């Protein structure tokens, strides 16, 4: 079983490398992270924090939008594309189970994302540390950002596999993937913001709002990164929402989402004809 999964992972990683996915993702992360780092360096004096702390706060916002998008771009045709090319039936005829196929693809695509996160965010963080200094807390925040970005990427990779298995074509899968990104990354927060404004500081704002944030993987990622560091919370302005939750709630959400999303993808592909 492990050998078959590794064979799929190796083939997928070679395809991603040949298509320049790993290089493209790393360059995108690096360029955006560097731009946000040095464009947002002005608040360091007024907040009393080092440049790396402000950089991590900026890169957290970047990762919320860019990591899910890259993950969905990598995964939306993982099943639908194989089916359209006729290779899905061929793969499954070689004693390869659907679960092993998904696990191999996840390992390869997650390796691509992990390399992109480590290269992009790591290089930008080191540049910020060299330019404006860095303390132990800000360095820990950078490492936490990279690790949690990989968890967030795993969630949206698995969601991409699920829609790819459910869709009848790659075009349909692409549309569903865009819909997932819009709902979980953009529209969910807009809906919560509208509810908070309408509630005017009532029960919803005080009791339900923080938990609804933690239920969304993108918001759980943001909360975990700001809640674990007082300086990053100060720089990002999310102290109130982060402090209203138990310390482990955002991390628990981040850990559970990839498992639940992969289980959904496994169920979806089991109902899909080759």
Protein backbone atom coordinates (compact mmCIF):
# COMPACT_ATOMS: atom_id res chain seq x y z
CA UNK A 1 0.00 0.00 0.00
CA UNK A 2 2.75 2.47 0.99
CA UNK A 3 4.71 1.64 -2.15
CA UNK A 4 1.70 2.35 -4.38
CA UNK A 5 0.99 5.64 -2.59
CA UNK A 6 4.63 6.70 -2.95
CA UNK A 7 4.58 5.80 -6.64
CA UNK A 8 1.55 8.05 -7.18
CA UNK A 9 3.13 10.80 -5.10
CA UNK A 10 6.38 10.62 -7.05
CA UNK A 11 4.58 10.78 -10.39
CA UNK A 12 2.43 13.73 -9.28
CA UNK A 13 5.42 15.63 -7.92
CA UNK A 14 7.33 15.14 -11.17
CA UNK A 15 4.31 16.46 -13.09
CA UNK A 16 4.11 19.51 -10.80
CA UNK A 17 7.84 20.12 -11.20
CA UNK A 18 7.64 19.76 -14.98
CA UNK A 19 4.71 22.19 -15.10
CA UNK A 20 6.69 24.64 -12.91
CA UNK A 21 4.00 24.56 -10.21
CA UNK A 22 6.47 24.40 -7.34
CA UNK A 23 8.57 27.24 -8.75
CA UNK A 24 5.54 29.38 -9.60
CA UNK A 25 3.99 28.96 -6.15
CA UNK A 26 7.27 29.72 -4.38
CA UNK A 27 7.92 32.84 -6.49
CA UNK A 28 4.37 34.11 -5.93
CA UNK A 29 4.67 33.62 -2.18
CA UNK A 30 8.07 35.27 -2.07
CA UNK A 31 7.12 38.32 -4.15
CA UNK A 32 3.87 39.02 -2.30
CA UNK A 33 5.46 38.38 1.09
CA UNK A 34 8.39 40.71 0.37
CA UNK A 35 6.04 43.41 -0.92
CA UNK A 36 3.82 43.22 2.16
CA UNK A 37 6.80 43.05 4.50
CA UNK A 38 8.49 46.23 3.37
CA UNK A 39 5.35 48.13 2.37
CA UNK A 40 3.97 47.55 5.85
CA UNK A 41 7.11 48.42 7.79
CA UNK A 42 5.85 51.86 8.87
CA UNK A 43 3.82 50.71 11.95
CA UNK A 44 6.81 49.12 13.68
CA UNK A 45 7.74 52.26 15.58
CA UNK A 46 4.23 53.21 16.70
CA UNK A 47 3.42 49.65 17.79
CA UNK A 48 6.77 49.05 19.45
CA UNK A 49 7.38 45.74 17.65
CA UNK A 50 10.12 44.54 15.32
CA UNK A 51 9.75 44.35 11.54
CA UNK A 52 9.43 40.56 11.52
CA UNK A 53 6.35 40.77 13.78
CA UNK A 54 4.63 43.17 11.37
CA UNK A 55 5.78 40.98 8.48
CA UNK A 56 4.21 37.86 10.02
CA UNK A 57 0.94 39.75 10.57
CA UNK A 58 0.96 40.84 6.91
CA UNK A 59 1.91 37.40 5.63
CA UNK A 60 -0.90 35.84 7.68
CA UNK A 61 -3.41 37.94 5.74
CA UNK A 62 -1.67 37.00 2.49
CA UNK A 63 -1.72 33.29 3.32
CA UNK A 64 -5.46 33.34 4.11
CA UNK A 65 -6.19 34.31 0.51
CA UNK A 66 -3.31 32.85 -1.49
CA UNK A 67 -2.80 29.43 0.15
CA UNK A 68 -6.38 28.17 -0.45
CA UNK A 69 -6.27 29.49 -4.01
CA UNK A 70 -3.00 27.72 -4.83
CA UNK A 71 -4.26 24.51 -3.19
CA UNK A 72 -7.47 24.53 -5.24
CA UNK A 73 -5.55 25.26 -8.44
CA UNK A 74 -3.39 22.21 -7.75
CA UNK A 75 -6.26 19.87 -6.92
CA UNK A 76 -9.39 20.83 -8.89
CA UNK A 77 -8.59 18.48 -11.80
CA UNK A 78 -6.95 15.72 -9.77
CA UNK A 79 -9.85 13.31 -10.36
CA UNK A 80 -11.90 14.97 -13.10
CA UNK A 81 -8.81 15.44 -15.27
CA UNK A 82 -7.73 11.82 -14.86
CA UNK A 83 -11.25 10.69 -15.78
CA UNK A 84 -11.42 12.92 -18.88
CA UNK A 85 -8.01 11.69 -20.08
CA UNK A 86 -9.06 8.08 -19.51
CA UNK A 87 -6.19 7.44 -17.11
CA UNK A 88 -8.33 7.00 -13.97
CA UNK A 89 -9.62 3.60 -15.06
CA UNK A 90 -6.09 2.58 -16.04
CA UNK A 91 -4.68 3.58 -12.65
CA UNK A 92 -7.39 1.77 -10.73
CA UNK A 93 -6.85 -1.39 -12.78
CA UNK A 94 -3.36 -1.80 -11.25
CA UNK A 95 -4.53 -2.81 -7.74
CA UNK A 96 -4.48 0.88 -6.76
CA UNK A 97 -7.40 1.80 -4.51
CA UNK A 98 -9.14 5.15 -4.67
CA UNK A 99 -7.91 6.01 -1.18
CA UNK A 100 -4.30 5.29 -2.14
CA UNK A 101 -4.68 7.43 -5.25
CA UNK A 102 -5.96 10.38 -3.21
CA UNK A 103 -3.33 9.93 -0.50
CA UNK A 104 -0.53 9.88 -3.08
CA UNK A 105 -1.82 13.00 -4.79
CA UNK A 106 -2.22 14.74 -1.43
CA UNK A 107 1.36 13.90 -0.42
CA UNK A 108 2.77 15.29 -3.67
CA UNK A 109 0.66 18.43 -3.78
CA UNK A 110 1.24 19.11 -0.09
CA UNK A 111 4.99 18.81 -0.68
CA UNK A 112 4.71 21.43 -3.45
CA UNK A 113 2.80 23.78 -1.14
CA UNK A 114 5.17 23.16 1.77
CA UNK A 115 8.19 24.02 -0.38
CA UNK A 116 6.45 27.17 -1.58
CA UNK A 117 5.54 28.25 1.98
CA UNK A 118 8.97 27.53 3.39
CA UNK A 119 10.76 29.28 0.53
CA UNK A 120 8.44 32.27 0.19
CA UNK A 121 7.58 33.05 3.79
CA UNK A 122 10.96 31.92 5.09
CA UNK A 123 12.91 34.15 2.72
CA UNK A 124 10.64 37.14 3.40
CA UNK A 125 10.91 36.54 7.13
CA UNK A 126 14.69 36.37 7.00
CA UNK A 127 14.79 39.58 4.96
CA UNK A 128 12.56 41.31 7.54
CA UNK A 129 14.73 40.02 10.38
CA UNK A 130 17.87 41.28 8.66
CA UNK A 131 16.35 44.68 7.93
CA UNK A 132 14.50 45.37 11.17
CA UNK A 133 15.59 42.80 13.72
CA UNK A 134 13.73 39.86 15.19
CA UNK A 135 13.12 38.47 18.65
CA UNK A 136 12.47 34.88 19.74
CA UNK A 137 8.70 35.46 19.74
CA UNK A 138 8.60 36.79 16.20
CA UNK A 139 10.80 33.93 14.94
CA UNK A 140 8.44 31.43 16.60
CA UNK A 141 5.52 33.24 14.96
CA UNK A 142 7.16 32.82 11.55
CA UNK A 143 7.64 29.08 12.07
CA UNK A 144 4.04 28.78 13.29
CA UNK A 145 2.84 30.67 10.20
CA UNK A 146 4.61 28.26 7.83
CA UNK A 147 3.33 25.17 9.67
CA UNK A 148 -0.27 26.37 9.89
CA UNK A 149 -0.18 27.44 6.22
CA UNK A 150 0.62 23.84 5.32
CA UNK A 151 -2.40 22.66 7.37
CA UNK A 152 -4.61 25.22 5.64
CA UNK A 153 -3.29 24.07 2.28
CA UNK A 154 -4.04 20.43 3.14
CA UNK A 155 -7.66 21.36 3.90
CA UNK A 156 -8.23 23.06 0.55
CA UNK A 157 -6.34 20.38 -1.36
CA UNK A 158 -8.72 17.77 0.03
CA UNK A 159 -11.74 19.99 -0.69
CA UNK A 160 -10.44 20.35 -4.25
CA UNK A 161 -10.27 16.56 -4.59
CA UNK A 162 -13.84 16.29 -3.34
CA UNK A 163 -15.25 18.70 -5.93
CA UNK A 164 -13.05 17.13 -8.61
CA UNK A 165 -14.59 13.74 -7.86
CA UNK A 166 -18.13 15.12 -7.74
CA UNK A 167 -17.91 17.27 -10.88
CA UNK A 168 -18.62 15.82 -14.28
CA UNK A 169 -15.77 17.69 -15.97
CA UNK A 170 -12.71 19.78 -15.24
CA UNK A 171 -14.64 22.91 -16.20
CA UNK A 172 -17.33 22.08 -13.66
CA UNK A 173 -14.70 21.24 -11.07
CA UNK A 174 -12.96 24.59 -11.67
CA UNK A 175 -16.23 26.43 -11.15
CA UNK A 176 -16.95 24.56 -7.92
CA UNK A 177 -13.42 25.22 -6.68
CA UNK A 178 -13.83 28.95 -7.27
CA UNK A 179 -17.13 28.77 -5.41
CA UNK A 180 -15.48 27.09 -2.41
CA UNK A 181 -12.78 29.77 -2.32
CA UNK A 182 -15.32 32.59 -2.53
CA UNK A 183 -17.58 31.14 0.17
CA UNK A 184 -14.97 30.09 2.73
CA UNK A 185 -12.42 32.88 2.21
CA UNK A 186 -14.52 35.92 1.20
CA UNK A 187 -18.28 35.61 1.61
CA UNK A 188 -18.23 33.82 4.98
CA UNK A 189 -16.47 36.75 6.64
CA UNK A 190 -18.72 39.27 4.91
CA UNK A 191 -21.76 37.44 6.24
CA UNK A 192 -20.36 37.40 9.77
CA UNK A 193 -19.50 41.10 9.52
CA UNK A 194 -23.05 41.93 8.47
CA UNK A 195 -24.43 39.88 11.36
CA UNK A 196 -22.12 41.64 13.85
CA UNK A 197 -23.20 45.07 12.58
CA UNK A 198 -26.87 44.10 12.84
CA UNK A 199 -26.37 42.59 16.31
CA UNK A 200 -24.85 45.83 17.73
CA UNK A 201 -22.74 44.12 20.39
CA UNK A 202 -25.40 41.65 21.53
CA UNK A 203 -25.42 37.91 22.17
CA UNK A 204 -24.27 36.96 18.67
CA UNK A 205 -21.23 39.23 18.82
CA UNK A 206 -20.23 38.24 22.33
CA UNK A 207 -20.93 34.49 22.33
CA UNK A 208 -21.37 33.07 18.83
CA UNK A 209 -19.16 35.18 16.61
CA UNK A 210 -15.76 33.91 17.90
CA UNK A 211 -16.86 30.27 17.59
CA UNK A 212 -18.18 30.79 14.07
CA UNK A 213 -14.80 32.23 13.17
CA UNK A 214 -13.07 29.14 14.56
CA UNK A 215 -15.36 26.85 12.52
CA UNK A 216 -14.07 28.29 9.25
CA UNK A 217 -10.60 26.93 8.33
CA UNK A 218 -9.40 30.26 6.90
CA UNK A 219 -10.48 32.19 10.01
CA UNK A 220 -9.17 29.46 12.33
CA UNK A 221 -5.80 29.83 10.62
CA UNK A 222 -5.85 33.57 11.17
CA UNK A 223 -6.96 33.25 14.79
CA UNK A 224 -4.32 30.65 15.62
CA UNK A 225 -1.52 32.78 14.26
CA UNK A 226 -2.61 35.93 16.07
CA UNK A 227 -3.74 34.28 19.31
CA UNK A 228 -0.47 32.45 19.88
CA UNK A 229 1.53 35.69 19.84
CA UNK A 230 0.56 38.83 21.70
CA UNK A 231 2.72 41.00 19.45
CA UNK A 232 1.21 39.58 16.25
CA UNK A 233 -2.29 40.04 17.71
CA UNK A 234 -1.44 43.66 18.44
CA UNK A 235 -0.10 44.22 14.93
CA UNK A 236 -3.09 42.52 13.27
CA UNK A 237 -5.84 44.06 15.38
CA UNK A 238 -7.57 40.73 16.16
CA UNK A 239 -6.89 40.66 19.90
CA UNK A 240 -10.57 40.71 20.87
CA UNK A 241 -11.72 37.79 18.71
CA UNK A 242 -8.66 35.72 19.57
CA UNK A 243 -9.03 36.31 23.30
CA UNK A 244 -12.70 35.28 23.36
CA UNK A 245 -11.87 31.65 22.51
CA UNK A 246 -10.06 28.91 24.43
CA UNK A 247 -6.43 28.83 23.32
CA UNK A 248 -6.69 25.43 21.59
CA UNK A 249 -9.92 26.02 19.65
CA UNK A 250 -8.39 27.49 16.46
CA UNK A 251 -5.64 24.84 16.42
CA UNK A 252 -8.19 22.05 16.91
CA UNK A 253 -10.16 23.39 13.95
CA UNK A 254 -7.01 23.55 11.81
CA UNK A 255 -6.14 19.95 12.68
CA UNK A 256 -9.64 18.55 12.19
CA UNK A 257 -10.43 20.25 8.88
CA UNK A 258 -7.85 18.36 6.77
CA UNK A 259 -9.05 15.04 8.19
CA UNK A 260 -12.72 15.85 7.58
CA UNK A 261 -12.03 17.23 4.09
CA UNK A 262 -10.01 14.16 3.10
CA UNK A 263 -12.78 11.89 4.40
CA UNK A 264 -15.25 13.85 2.24
CA UNK A 265 -12.95 13.47 -0.78
CA UNK A 266 -12.61 9.73 -0.11
CA UNK A 267 -16.39 9.37 0.06
CA UNK A 268 -16.83 11.40 -3.12
CA UNK A 269 -14.34 9.39 -5.16
CA UNK A 270 -15.79 6.10 -3.93
CA UNK A 271 -19.07 7.08 -5.62
CA UNK A 272 -17.34 8.06 -8.85
CA UNK A 273 -17.15 5.76 -11.83
CA UNK A 274 -13.67 5.48 -13.44
